[in-house]
C-alpha atoms as a PDB file:
ATOM      1  CA  UNK A   1      48.488 -93.843  15.026  1.00  0.00           C
ATOM      2  CA  UNK A   2      47.785 -90.384  16.494  1.00  0.00           C
ATOM      3  CA  UNK A   3      47.046 -91.373  20.077  1.00  0.00           C
ATOM      4  CA  UNK A   4      45.416 -88.054  20.965  1.00  0.00           C
ATOM      5  CA  UNK A   5      42.960 -88.272  18.077  1.00  0.00           C
ATOM      6  CA  UNK A   6      42.253 -91.924  18.834  1.00  0.00           C
ATOM      7  CA  UNK A   7      41.561 -91.189  22.503  1.00  0.00           C
ATOM      8  CA  UNK A   8      39.420 -88.153  21.658  1.00  0.00           C
ATOM      9  CA  UNK A   9      37.179 -90.359  19.502  1.00  0.00           C
ATOM     10  CA  UNK A  10      36.826 -92.903  22.291  1.00  0.00           C
ATOM     11  CA  UNK A  11      36.285 -90.192  24.904  1.00  0.00           C
ATOM     12  CA  UNK A  12      33.365 -88.829  22.873  1.00  0.00           C
ATOM     13  CA  UNK A  13      31.655 -92.223  22.916  1.00  0.00           C
ATOM     14  CA  UNK A  14      32.246 -92.538  26.655  1.00  0.00           C
ATOM     15  CA  UNK A  15      30.788 -89.042  27.180  1.00  0.00           C
ATOM     16  CA  UNK A  16      27.652 -90.085  25.346  1.00  0.00           C
ATOM     17  CA  UNK A  17      27.362 -93.187  27.502  1.00  0.00           C
ATOM     18  CA  UNK A  18      27.953 -91.223  30.722  1.00  0.00           C
ATOM     19  CA  UNK A  19      24.269 -90.359  31.031  1.00  0.00           C
ATOM     20  CA  UNK A  20      21.801 -92.584  32.921  1.00  0.00           C
ATOM     21  CA  UNK A  21      19.069 -92.175  30.285  1.00  0.00           C
ATOM     22  CA  UNK A  22      21.397 -93.196  27.475  1.00  0.00           C
ATOM     23  CA  UNK A  23      22.646 -96.176  29.462  1.00  0.00           C
ATOM     24  CA  UNK A  24      19.032 -97.272  29.948  1.00  0.00           C
ATOM     25  CA  UNK A  25      18.417 -96.927  26.215  1.00  0.00           C
ATOM     26  CA  UNK A  26      21.559 -98.913  25.472  1.00  0.00           C
ATOM     27  CA  UNK A  27      20.423-101.731  27.737  1.00  0.00           C
ATOM     28  CA  UNK A  28      16.978-101.817  26.129  1.00  0.00           C
ATOM     29  CA  UNK A  29      18.340-101.802  22.570  1.00  0.00           C
ATOM     30  CA  UNK A  30      20.992-104.382  23.433  1.00  0.00           C
ATOM     31  CA  UNK A  31      18.293-107.060  23.407  1.00  0.00           C
ATOM     32  CA  UNK A  32      17.321-106.239  19.825  1.00  0.00           C
ATOM     33  CA  UNK A  33      16.009-103.535  17.554  1.00  0.00           C
ATOM     34  CA  UNK A  34      13.402-101.297  19.154  1.00  0.00           C
ATOM     35  CA  UNK A  35      10.938 -98.744  17.849  1.00  0.00           C
ATOM     36  CA  UNK A  36      11.005 -95.323  19.513  1.00  0.00           C
ATOM     37  CA  UNK A  37       7.461 -95.935  20.762  1.00  0.00           C
ATOM     38  CA  UNK A  38       8.639 -99.081  22.600  1.00  0.00           C
ATOM     39  CA  UNK A  39      11.416 -97.110  24.284  1.00  0.00           C
ATOM     40  CA  UNK A  40       9.038 -94.304  25.238  1.00  0.00           C
ATOM     41  CA  UNK A  41       6.638 -96.809  26.803  1.00  0.00           C
ATOM     42  CA  UNK A  42       9.396 -98.715  28.585  1.00  0.00           C
ATOM     43  CA  UNK A  43      10.918 -95.613  30.158  1.00  0.00           C
ATOM     44  CA  UNK A  44       7.695 -93.620  30.568  1.00  0.00           C
ATOM     45  CA  UNK A  45       9.376 -90.504  29.168  1.00  0.00           C
ATOM     46  CA  UNK A  46       8.491 -87.943  26.502  1.00  0.00           C
ATOM     47  CA  UNK A  47       9.109 -89.012  22.924  1.00  0.00           C
ATOM     48  CA  UNK A  48      11.121 -85.826  22.265  1.00  0.00           C
ATOM     49  CA  UNK A  49      13.492 -86.610  25.143  1.00  0.00           C
ATOM     50  CA  UNK A  50      14.009 -90.207  24.014  1.00  0.00           C
ATOM     51  CA  UNK A  51      14.590 -89.091  20.407  1.00  0.00           C
ATOM     52  CA  UNK A  52      17.120 -86.491  21.534  1.00  0.00           C
ATOM     53  CA  UNK A  53      19.173 -89.091  23.412  1.00  0.00           C
ATOM     54  CA  UNK A  54      18.897 -91.618  20.586  1.00  0.00           C
ATOM     55  CA  UNK A  55      20.128 -88.972  18.148  1.00  0.00           C
ATOM     56  CA  UNK A  56      23.237 -88.356  20.235  1.00  0.00           C
ATOM     57  CA  UNK A  57      23.907 -92.080  20.347  1.00  0.00           C
ATOM     58  CA  UNK A  58      23.542 -92.397  16.569  1.00  0.00           C
ATOM     59  CA  UNK A  59      25.867 -89.426  16.027  1.00  0.00           C
ATOM     60  CA  UNK A  60      28.465 -91.059  18.300  1.00  0.00           C
ATOM     61  CA  UNK A  61      28.234 -94.273  16.265  1.00  0.00           C
ATOM     62  CA  UNK A  62      26.790 -96.399  19.051  1.00  0.00           C
ATOM     63  CA  UNK A  63      23.378 -96.973  17.461  1.00  0.00           C
ATOM     64  CA  UNK A  64      22.043 -97.335  13.943  1.00  0.00           C
ATOM     65  CA  UNK A  65      18.682 -95.943  12.868  1.00  0.00           C
ATOM     66  CA  UNK A  66      16.301 -97.483  10.365  1.00  0.00           C
ATOM     67  CA  UNK A  67      13.182 -95.733   9.127  1.00  0.00           C
ATOM     68  CA  UNK A  68      10.077 -97.560   8.014  1.00  0.00           C
ATOM     69  CA  UNK A  69       7.430 -95.069   6.972  1.00  0.00           C
ATOM     70  CA  UNK A  70       6.988 -92.717   9.916  1.00  0.00           C
ATOM     71  CA  UNK A  71       8.478 -95.193  12.391  1.00  0.00           C
ATOM     72  CA  UNK A  72      12.121 -95.158  13.493  1.00  0.00           C
ATOM     73  CA  UNK A  73      13.888 -98.264  14.771  1.00  0.00           C
ATOM     74  CA  UNK A  74      17.196 -98.365  16.617  1.00  0.00           C
ATOM     75  CA  UNK A  75      19.750-101.100  17.134  1.00  0.00           C
ATOM     76  CA  UNK A  76      23.334-101.353  18.350  1.00  0.00           C
ATOM     77  CA  UNK A  77      25.824-100.595  15.629  1.00  0.00           C
ATOM     78  CA  UNK A  78      28.443-102.672  17.408  1.00  0.00           C
ATOM     79  CA  UNK A  79      28.827-104.852  20.414  1.00  0.00           C
ATOM     80  CA  UNK A  80      29.583-102.337  23.137  1.00  0.00           C
ATOM     81  CA  UNK A  81      31.600-104.831  25.150  1.00  0.00           C
ATOM     82  CA  UNK A  82      33.754-105.530  22.107  1.00  0.00           C
ATOM     83  CA  UNK A  83      34.156-101.790  21.534  1.00  0.00           C
ATOM     84  CA  UNK A  84      35.323-101.164  25.111  1.00  0.00           C
ATOM     85  CA  UNK A  85      37.680-104.127  24.997  1.00  0.00           C
ATOM     86  CA  UNK A  86      39.110-102.993  21.671  1.00  0.00           C
ATOM     87  CA  UNK A  87      39.830 -99.590  23.210  1.00  0.00           C
ATOM     88  CA  UNK A  88      41.641-101.213  26.100  1.00  0.00           C
ATOM     89  CA  UNK A  89      43.569-103.563  23.816  1.00  0.00           C
ATOM     90  CA  UNK A  90      44.438-100.956  21.171  1.00  0.00           C
ATOM     91  CA  UNK A  91      45.868 -98.343  23.490  1.00  0.00           C
ATOM     92  CA  UNK A  92      48.504 -99.217  26.006  1.00  0.00           C
ATOM     93  CA  UNK A  93      50.262 -97.172  28.649  1.00  0.00           C
ATOM     94  CA  UNK A  94      53.300 -97.314  26.380  1.00  0.00           C
ATOM     95  CA  UNK A  95      51.343 -95.514  23.630  1.00  0.00           C
ATOM     96  CA  UNK A  96      50.435 -92.721  26.008  1.00  0.00           C
ATOM     97  CA  UNK A  97      53.938 -92.423  27.491  1.00  0.00           C
ATOM     98  CA  UNK A  98      55.576 -92.466  24.076  1.00  0.00           C
ATOM     99  CA  UNK A  99      53.322 -89.609  22.957  1.00  0.00           C
ATOM    100  CA  UNK A 100      54.079 -87.651  26.133  1.00  0.00           C
ATOM    101  CA  UNK A 101      57.827 -87.951  25.517  1.00  0.00           C
ATOM    102  CA  UNK A 102      57.338 -86.602  22.008  1.00  0.00           C
ATOM    103  CA  UNK A 103      58.363 -89.766  20.157  1.00  0.00           C
END
């Protein structure tokens, strides 16, 4: 396993989640699939802003998008808690130290 590549992939997901708006969206979608219009109403924000943030989350692999006509629906693509735990379980301090020593 290339630890640097692995950590870079995880870091990208954490960067996406390091925004208050995206965390709000994550919490809303966690309870089940939501239409963009529901998210716009819930957060009282512009549709373009919500769609921008949702797009980043889809690109990072945190959400899945489903289209039905002109409507777009979003849902979690994975259990975020499981994803975070898998990161913590998959990478140990030993992995990082071994890489640093050049082994």
